[in-house]
Structure formats: C-alpha cells, structure tokens
Amino acid sequence: MILKLIQFIFLIVIVYVLVSFIRIIFSIGKSAGEINRKIDEINRNRQSGKKGSAGNGSDNSVIELDKNQYKVE
C-alpha cells in the first residue's frame, strides 16, 4: 500500500517536471522569435536608411520641382 502511494507521488513529480520543461522550451522559443523579429526590423530600417541617403530624399519621399526651382541639400 505504501509502495503504491510512493509510486503515485513519484509519477506526479515526473509529470510536473516534464510539463515545466515543455513550458520552458516554449517560452524560450517565443522570446527567440521576438528577438529575431526585432533584429529583422532593425535591419530593414538600416537598409531603408541607406537607400534614403543616396539622394532620393529622406523617408523615400518624392520632391517635385518646376523648371525654375532647384533643390539645395
């Protein structure tokens, strides 16, 4: 009788450890995904910044000028 109770408690402990381990794995995956998204966003901002500094205007905006106007940067 006591042996069955000890086995049952041991089984509960093993299930608890497995569930917490799986929960930790999912939380690590979630945080890694968030970090990856932030890095991608930073890289996109850097690439758009390089394109904008090549003389195309800031924020990829278009400036229309008449024949007698000129742009000074």
Protein backbone atom coordinates (compact mmCIF):
# COMPACT_ATOMS: atom_id res chain seq x y z
CA MET A 1 0.00 0.00 0.00
CA ILE A 2 2.74 2.45 0.94
CA LEU A 3 4.75 1.41 -2.12
CA LYS A 4 1.81 2.25 -4.42
CA LEU A 5 1.48 5.67 -2.79
CA ILE A 6 5.19 6.38 -3.26
CA GLN A 7 4.97 5.31 -6.92
CA PHE A 8 1.97 7.60 -7.43
CA ILE A 9 3.75 10.59 -5.86
CA PHE A 10 6.85 9.85 -7.94
CA LEU A 11 4.70 9.73 -11.10
CA ILE A 12 3.15 13.11 -10.24
CA VAL A 13 6.62 14.62 -9.72
CA ILE A 14 7.85 13.26 -13.08
CA VAL A 15 4.78 14.64 -14.91
CA TYR A 16 5.26 18.03 -13.23
CA VAL A 17 8.93 18.16 -14.27
CA LEU A 18 8.07 17.23 -17.87
CA VAL A 19 5.29 19.84 -18.11
CA SER A 20 7.52 22.58 -16.70
CA PHE A 21 10.33 21.57 -19.07
CA ILE A 22 7.99 21.82 -22.06
CA ARG A 23 6.74 25.19 -20.79
CA ILE A 24 10.34 26.45 -20.56
CA ILE A 25 11.07 25.29 -24.11
CA PHE A 26 8.05 27.17 -25.47
CA SER A 27 8.94 30.35 -23.57
CA ILE A 28 12.49 30.22 -24.94
CA GLY A 29 11.11 29.77 -28.46
CA LYS A 30 8.75 32.71 -28.01
CA SER A 31 11.48 35.03 -26.75
CA ALA A 32 13.82 33.91 -29.55
CA GLY A 33 11.12 34.70 -32.09
CA GLU A 34 10.62 38.17 -30.62
CA ILE A 35 14.36 38.84 -30.71
CA ASN A 36 14.54 37.64 -34.31
CA ARG A 37 11.65 39.95 -35.28
CA LYS A 38 13.37 42.92 -33.65
CA ILE A 39 16.64 42.18 -35.44
CA ASP A 40 14.81 41.91 -38.78
CA GLU A 41 13.09 45.24 -38.13
CA ILE A 42 16.43 46.90 -37.30
CA ASN A 43 17.98 45.50 -40.48
CA ARG A 44 15.03 46.75 -42.58
CA ASN A 45 15.38 50.22 -41.04
CA ARG A 46 19.10 50.27 -41.80
CA GLN A 47 18.56 49.21 -45.40
CA SER A 48 15.85 51.83 -45.97
CA GLY A 49 18.14 54.42 -44.37
CA LYS A 50 20.91 53.58 -46.82
CA LYS A 51 18.55 53.92 -49.77
CA GLY A 52 17.27 57.27 -48.50
CA SER A 53 20.75 58.72 -48.03
CA ALA A 54 21.68 58.07 -51.67
CA GLY A 55 19.98 61.31 -52.77
CA ASN A 56 16.43 60.02 -53.06
CA GLY A 57 15.24 62.16 -50.16
CA SER A 58 14.56 61.14 -46.61
CA ASP A 59 11.91 58.52 -45.90
CA ASN A 60 11.75 57.68 -49.61
CA SER A 61 9.66 60.80 -50.29
CA VAL A 62 9.42 62.43 -53.71
CA ILE A 63 10.01 66.14 -54.15
CA GLU A 64 8.57 67.67 -57.29
CA LEU A 65 10.27 70.76 -58.68
CA ASP A 66 9.36 73.12 -61.51
CA LYS A 67 11.84 74.08 -64.21
CA ASN A 68 12.91 77.29 -62.45
CA GLN A 69 13.26 75.73 -58.97
CA TYR A 70 16.29 73.97 -57.54
CA LYS A 71 16.94 71.87 -54.50
CA VAL A 72 19.77 72.55 -52.05
CA GLU A 73 20.71 69.74 -49.69
